Amino acid sequence: MAGYQDLFLNQGETFTTQMNLNDSNGAPYNLTDFIVLSSAKKSYYTNTISLMFNASIYDANNGVIQLSANSSVTSNVSAGKYVYDVIVRENNSGTITRVLEGQLIVSPGVTGITTSYY
């Protein structure tokens, strides 16, 4: 069964978070020879992906991943609630496992930043 964790994202900001993944016994998930993918949608039944995270393995031996999205990407995500998940794929066998899921809450932004401010 996948773990559960809610994420909070401010619209228009650079988003980065590191997350610890644990196996069913509570031990850190060994992510050696795995890739990680993560996206968010408005609902489980929506076909359109609202946000594709840049997902990477930060510390393979200790099950730490990193999800990120730059400010130009988060600016295009409407405020509201979404669902997201994280899957891992083992390179040798191709086995895919959903390891984490939850809600993504996007808070609206007011002030947009562009390069013309600098």
N, C-alpha and C. Protein backbone atom coordinates (compact mmCIF):
# COMPACT_ATOMS: atom_id res chain seq x y z
N MET A 1 0.84 -1.18 0.00
CA MET A 1 0.00 0.00 0.00
C MET A 1 0.89 1.25 0.00
N ALA A 2 0.51 2.22 -0.80
CA ALA A 2 1.27 3.46 -0.92
C ALA A 2 1.13 4.31 0.34
N GLY A 3 2.19 5.04 0.64
CA GLY A 3 2.14 6.00 1.73
C GLY A 3 1.28 7.19 1.33
N TYR A 4 0.94 8.03 2.29
CA TYR A 4 0.09 9.19 2.03
C TYR A 4 0.74 10.44 2.62
N GLN A 5 0.80 11.50 1.80
CA GLN A 5 1.32 12.78 2.27
C GLN A 5 0.73 13.89 1.41
N ASP A 6 0.17 14.91 2.05
CA ASP A 6 -0.34 16.06 1.32
C ASP A 6 0.81 17.02 1.02
N LEU A 7 0.71 17.70 -0.12
CA LEU A 7 1.70 18.69 -0.53
C LEU A 7 1.02 20.04 -0.68
N PHE A 8 1.75 21.11 -0.40
CA PHE A 8 1.25 22.47 -0.52
C PHE A 8 2.18 23.25 -1.45
N LEU A 9 1.59 23.90 -2.45
CA LEU A 9 2.35 24.60 -3.47
C LEU A 9 1.79 26.00 -3.63
N ASN A 10 2.65 27.00 -3.65
CA ASN A 10 2.23 28.37 -3.90
C ASN A 10 2.36 28.65 -5.39
N GLN A 11 1.25 29.03 -6.00
CA GLN A 11 1.22 29.32 -7.43
C GLN A 11 2.29 30.36 -7.78
N GLY A 12 3.06 30.12 -8.82
CA GLY A 12 4.07 31.05 -9.28
C GLY A 12 5.41 30.97 -8.57
N GLU A 13 5.54 30.09 -7.57
CA GLU A 13 6.81 29.92 -6.86
C GLU A 13 7.55 28.70 -7.38
N THR A 14 8.86 28.71 -7.19
CA THR A 14 9.65 27.52 -7.42
C THR A 14 9.32 26.53 -6.30
N PHE A 15 8.99 25.30 -6.67
CA PHE A 15 8.59 24.29 -5.70
C PHE A 15 9.65 23.19 -5.66
N THR A 16 10.10 22.86 -4.46
CA THR A 16 11.02 21.74 -4.25
C THR A 16 10.71 21.11 -2.91
N THR A 17 10.61 19.79 -2.90
CA THR A 17 10.44 19.07 -1.64
C THR A 17 11.15 17.73 -1.72
N GLN A 18 11.71 17.32 -0.61
CA GLN A 18 12.30 15.99 -0.51
C GLN A 18 11.39 15.14 0.36
N MET A 19 11.24 13.88 -0.05
CA MET A 19 10.34 12.98 0.64
C MET A 19 11.03 11.65 0.89
N ASN A 20 10.77 11.08 2.07
CA ASN A 20 11.32 9.77 2.42
C ASN A 20 10.29 8.70 2.07
N LEU A 21 10.72 7.70 1.31
CA LEU A 21 9.85 6.59 0.95
C LEU A 21 10.23 5.38 1.78
N ASN A 22 9.21 4.74 2.35
CA ASN A 22 9.43 3.55 3.16
C ASN A 22 8.69 2.37 2.55
N ASP A 23 9.25 1.16 2.72
CA ASP A 23 8.58 -0.04 2.25
C ASP A 23 7.49 -0.46 3.23
N SER A 24 6.84 -1.56 2.95
CA SER A 24 5.71 -2.00 3.79
C SER A 24 6.12 -2.36 5.21
N ASN A 25 7.42 -2.56 5.46
CA ASN A 25 7.92 -2.85 6.81
C ASN A 25 8.39 -1.59 7.53
N GLY A 26 8.28 -0.43 6.88
CA GLY A 26 8.70 0.82 7.50
C GLY A 26 10.16 1.15 7.28
N ALA A 27 10.89 0.29 6.57
CA ALA A 27 12.31 0.54 6.29
C ALA A 27 12.43 1.45 5.07
N PRO A 28 13.51 2.22 4.99
CA PRO A 28 13.71 3.06 3.80
C PRO A 28 13.70 2.21 2.53
N TYR A 29 12.99 2.69 1.53
CA TYR A 29 12.88 2.02 0.24
C TYR A 29 14.21 2.16 -0.49
N ASN A 30 14.86 1.05 -0.82
CA ASN A 30 16.12 1.11 -1.56
C ASN A 30 15.81 1.39 -3.03
N LEU A 31 16.20 2.55 -3.50
CA LEU A 31 15.86 2.98 -4.85
C LEU A 31 17.00 2.81 -5.85
N THR A 32 17.98 1.99 -5.50
CA THR A 32 19.06 1.71 -6.44
C THR A 32 18.48 1.00 -7.65
N ASP A 33 18.82 1.47 -8.84
CA ASP A 33 18.33 0.93 -10.12
C ASP A 33 16.84 1.16 -10.34
N PHE A 34 16.32 2.26 -9.79
CA PHE A 34 14.92 2.65 -10.01
C PHE A 34 14.88 4.02 -10.68
N ILE A 35 13.76 4.33 -11.31
CA ILE A 35 13.45 5.70 -11.71
C ILE A 35 12.17 6.08 -11.00
N VAL A 36 11.95 7.37 -10.86
CA VAL A 36 10.77 7.86 -10.14
C VAL A 36 10.02 8.84 -11.05
N LEU A 37 8.69 8.77 -11.01
CA LEU A 37 7.81 9.65 -11.78
C LEU A 37 6.71 10.16 -10.87
N SER A 38 6.26 11.39 -11.12
CA SER A 38 5.19 11.95 -10.30
C SER A 38 4.44 13.00 -11.09
N SER A 39 3.11 13.00 -10.94
CA SER A 39 2.27 14.01 -11.59
C SER A 39 1.04 14.26 -10.74
N ALA A 40 0.34 15.36 -11.06
CA ALA A 40 -0.89 15.72 -10.36
C ALA A 40 -1.99 15.97 -11.38
N LYS A 41 -3.21 15.61 -10.99
CA LYS A 41 -4.40 15.82 -11.83
C LYS A 41 -5.50 16.39 -10.95
N LYS A 42 -6.50 16.99 -11.60
CA LYS A 42 -7.62 17.58 -10.84
C LYS A 42 -8.39 16.52 -10.07
N SER A 43 -8.52 15.32 -10.64
CA SER A 43 -9.14 14.20 -9.93
C SER A 43 -8.57 12.90 -10.48
N TYR A 44 -8.86 11.82 -9.80
CA TYR A 44 -8.38 10.51 -10.25
C TYR A 44 -8.98 10.16 -11.62
N TYR A 45 -10.10 10.74 -11.95
CA TYR A 45 -10.84 10.36 -13.15
C TYR A 45 -10.58 11.31 -14.32
N THR A 46 -9.74 12.31 -14.13
CA THR A 46 -9.38 13.26 -15.17
C THR A 46 -8.25 12.67 -16.01
N ASN A 47 -8.36 12.79 -17.32
CA ASN A 47 -7.30 12.29 -18.19
C ASN A 47 -6.12 13.26 -18.30
N THR A 48 -6.37 14.54 -18.13
CA THR A 48 -5.36 15.57 -18.33
C THR A 48 -4.48 15.74 -17.09
N ILE A 49 -3.17 15.70 -17.30
CA ILE A 49 -2.23 15.97 -16.22
C ILE A 49 -2.12 17.48 -16.03
N SER A 50 -2.32 17.94 -14.81
CA SER A 50 -2.23 19.37 -14.49
C SER A 50 -0.80 19.82 -14.20
N LEU A 51 -0.01 18.91 -13.64
CA LEU A 51 1.37 19.24 -13.27
C LEU A 51 2.20 17.97 -13.32
N MET A 52 3.27 18.02 -14.08
CA MET A 52 4.25 16.92 -14.10
C MET A 52 5.45 17.42 -13.31
N PHE A 53 5.71 16.76 -12.20
CA PHE A 53 6.86 17.13 -11.38
C PHE A 53 8.16 16.67 -12.03
N ASN A 54 9.23 17.40 -11.81
CA ASN A 54 10.57 16.89 -12.07
C ASN A 54 10.87 16.00 -10.87
N ALA A 55 10.85 14.71 -11.08
CA ALA A 55 11.04 13.75 -9.98
C ALA A 55 12.41 13.10 -10.13
N SER A 56 13.15 13.06 -9.03
CA SER A 56 14.48 12.45 -9.07
C SER A 56 14.76 11.73 -7.76
N ILE A 57 15.71 10.85 -7.82
CA ILE A 57 16.16 10.14 -6.62
C ILE A 57 17.29 10.96 -6.01
N TYR A 58 17.09 11.38 -4.78
CA TYR A 58 18.06 12.22 -4.08
C TYR A 58 19.08 11.37 -3.32
N ASP A 59 18.61 10.32 -2.66
CA ASP A 59 19.47 9.40 -1.89
C ASP A 59 18.88 8.00 -2.05
N ALA A 60 19.42 7.23 -3.00
CA ALA A 60 18.86 5.92 -3.35
C ALA A 60 18.85 4.95 -2.17
N ASN A 61 19.94 4.88 -1.43
CA ASN A 61 20.04 3.91 -0.34
C ASN A 61 19.06 4.18 0.80
N ASN A 62 18.70 5.45 1.01
CA ASN A 62 17.81 5.81 2.11
C ASN A 62 16.41 6.17 1.65
N GLY A 63 16.08 5.90 0.39
CA GLY A 63 14.72 6.10 -0.11
C GLY A 63 14.26 7.54 -0.17
N VAL A 64 15.17 8.48 -0.44
CA VAL A 64 14.80 9.89 -0.48
C VAL A 64 14.67 10.32 -1.94
N ILE A 65 13.51 10.90 -2.25
CA ILE A 65 13.28 11.44 -3.58
C ILE A 65 13.11 12.95 -3.50
N GLN A 66 13.19 13.60 -4.64
CA GLN A 66 12.95 15.03 -4.70
C GLN A 66 11.95 15.31 -5.82
N LEU A 67 10.93 16.12 -5.50
CA LEU A 67 9.97 16.59 -6.48
C LEU A 67 10.17 18.09 -6.62
N SER A 68 10.15 18.58 -7.85
CA SER A 68 10.31 20.01 -8.06
C SER A 68 9.54 20.46 -9.29
N ALA A 69 9.31 21.77 -9.35
CA ALA A 69 8.70 22.43 -10.51
C ALA A 69 9.12 23.88 -10.46
N ASN A 70 9.53 24.44 -11.59
CA ASN A 70 9.97 25.83 -11.58
C ASN A 70 8.77 26.78 -11.58
N SER A 71 9.04 28.05 -11.37
CA SER A 71 7.97 29.03 -11.20
C SER A 71 7.13 29.21 -12.47
N SER A 72 7.73 29.05 -13.64
CA SER A 72 6.93 29.18 -14.87
C SER A 72 5.93 28.03 -14.99
N VAL A 73 6.27 26.88 -14.47
CA VAL A 73 5.35 25.74 -14.47
C VAL A 73 4.25 25.93 -13.44
N THR A 74 4.61 26.32 -12.21
CA THR A 74 3.60 26.46 -11.15
C THR A 74 2.68 27.64 -11.41
N SER A 75 3.13 28.62 -12.19
CA SER A 75 2.26 29.76 -12.55
C SER A 75 1.07 29.32 -13.40
N ASN A 76 1.25 28.22 -14.11
CA ASN A 76 0.20 27.73 -15.00
C ASN A 76 -0.74 26.71 -14.37
N VAL A 77 -0.59 26.48 -13.07
CA VAL A 77 -1.47 25.55 -12.36
C VAL A 77 -2.50 26.38 -11.61
N SER A 78 -3.76 26.17 -11.92
CA SER A 78 -4.84 26.91 -11.25
C SER A 78 -4.89 26.58 -9.77
N ALA A 79 -5.27 27.56 -8.97
CA ALA A 79 -5.42 27.34 -7.53
C ALA A 79 -6.50 26.30 -7.30
N GLY A 80 -6.33 25.50 -6.26
CA GLY A 80 -7.33 24.49 -5.91
C GLY A 80 -6.69 23.21 -5.41
N LYS A 81 -7.51 22.17 -5.31
CA LYS A 81 -7.06 20.86 -4.83
C LYS A 81 -6.89 19.92 -6.00
N TYR A 82 -5.84 19.13 -5.91
CA TYR A 82 -5.49 18.13 -6.91
C TYR A 82 -5.14 16.83 -6.19
N VAL A 83 -5.02 15.76 -6.94
CA VAL A 83 -4.47 14.52 -6.42
C VAL A 83 -3.16 14.26 -7.14
N TYR A 84 -2.23 13.65 -6.44
CA TYR A 84 -0.94 13.32 -7.05
C TYR A 84 -0.52 11.94 -6.59
N ASP A 85 0.42 11.37 -7.31
CA ASP A 85 1.05 10.16 -6.82
C ASP A 85 2.49 10.10 -7.30
N VAL A 86 3.23 9.20 -6.70
CA VAL A 86 4.62 8.95 -7.04
C VAL A 86 4.74 7.47 -7.34
N ILE A 87 5.28 7.16 -8.51
CA ILE A 87 5.53 5.76 -8.83
C ILE A 87 7.03 5.56 -9.04
N VAL A 88 7.48 4.35 -8.77
CA VAL A 88 8.86 3.97 -9.05
C VAL A 88 8.84 2.78 -10.00
N ARG A 89 9.83 2.76 -10.89
CA ARG A 89 9.97 1.64 -11.81
C ARG A 89 11.36 1.06 -11.66
N GLU A 90 11.41 -0.23 -11.42
CA GLU A 90 12.67 -0.94 -11.28
C GLU A 90 13.21 -1.17 -12.70
N ASN A 91 14.43 -0.72 -12.96
CA ASN A 91 14.99 -0.75 -14.30
C ASN A 91 15.13 -2.16 -14.87
N ASN A 92 15.56 -3.12 -14.09
CA ASN A 92 15.82 -4.46 -14.61
C ASN A 92 14.54 -5.22 -14.93
N SER A 93 13.57 -5.21 -14.03
CA SER A 93 12.35 -6.00 -14.23
C SER A 93 11.23 -5.21 -14.88
N GLY A 94 11.29 -3.87 -14.80
CA GLY A 94 10.21 -3.05 -15.31
C GLY A 94 9.02 -2.96 -14.37
N THR A 95 9.14 -3.53 -13.18
CA THR A 95 8.06 -3.51 -12.20
C THR A 95 7.77 -2.08 -11.77
N ILE A 96 6.49 -1.71 -11.80
CA ILE A 96 6.05 -0.37 -11.40
C ILE A 96 5.27 -0.48 -10.10
N THR A 97 5.60 0.40 -9.15
CA THR A 97 4.94 0.40 -7.85
C THR A 97 4.56 1.84 -7.48
N ARG A 98 3.31 2.04 -7.08
CA ARG A 98 2.92 3.34 -6.53
C ARG A 98 3.35 3.35 -5.08
N VAL A 99 4.20 4.32 -4.73
CA VAL A 99 4.78 4.34 -3.38
C VAL A 99 4.26 5.47 -2.52
N LEU A 100 3.64 6.48 -3.15
CA LEU A 100 3.16 7.62 -2.38
C LEU A 100 2.02 8.28 -3.14
N GLU A 101 1.06 8.82 -2.38
CA GLU A 101 -0.06 9.54 -2.98
C GLU A 101 -0.57 10.56 -1.97
N GLY A 102 -1.42 11.46 -2.45
CA GLY A 102 -2.00 12.44 -1.56
C GLY A 102 -2.67 13.56 -2.33
N GLN A 103 -3.01 14.60 -1.61
CA GLN A 103 -3.58 15.78 -2.24
C GLN A 103 -2.49 16.83 -2.42
N LEU A 104 -2.62 17.59 -3.49
CA LEU A 104 -1.77 18.74 -3.75
C LEU A 104 -2.67 19.95 -3.66
N ILE A 105 -2.39 20.83 -2.72
CA ILE A 105 -3.18 22.04 -2.55
C ILE A 105 -2.37 23.20 -3.12
N VAL A 106 -2.94 23.88 -4.13
CA VAL A 106 -2.27 25.00 -4.79
C VAL A 106 -2.92 26.29 -4.32
N SER A 107 -2.12 27.14 -3.68
CA SER A 107 -2.57 28.43 -3.18
C SER A 107 -2.35 29.48 -4.26
N PRO A 108 -3.35 30.36 -4.50
CA PRO A 108 -3.20 31.35 -5.57
C PRO A 108 -2.14 32.39 -5.24
N GLY A 109 -1.54 32.92 -6.30
CA GLY A 109 -0.55 33.98 -6.15
C GLY A 109 -1.15 35.32 -6.55
N VAL A 110 -0.53 36.39 -6.11
CA VAL A 110 -0.99 37.74 -6.43
C VAL A 110 0.05 38.46 -7.29
N THR A 111 1.31 38.45 -6.84
CA THR A 111 2.35 39.19 -7.53
C THR A 111 3.14 38.25 -8.43
N GLY A 112 3.14 38.52 -9.72
CA GLY A 112 3.92 37.73 -10.67
C GLY A 112 5.31 38.32 -10.80
N ILE A 113 6.31 37.49 -10.89
CA ILE A 113 7.69 37.93 -11.05
C ILE A 113 8.12 37.63 -12.48
N THR A 114 8.68 38.60 -13.15
CA THR A 114 9.25 38.38 -14.48
C THR A 114 10.66 38.93 -14.49
N THR A 115 11.40 38.61 -15.51
CA THR A 115 12.78 39.07 -15.58
C THR A 115 12.87 40.58 -15.73
N SER A 116 11.77 41.26 -16.12
CA SER A 116 11.82 42.71 -16.26
C SER A 116 11.98 43.42 -14.92
N TYR A 117 11.76 42.71 -13.81
CA TYR A 117 11.95 43.31 -12.49
C TYR A 117 13.42 43.38 -12.11
N TYR A 118 14.27 42.68 -12.82
CA TYR A 118 15.68 42.59 -12.42
C TYR A 118 16.58 43.36 -13.33
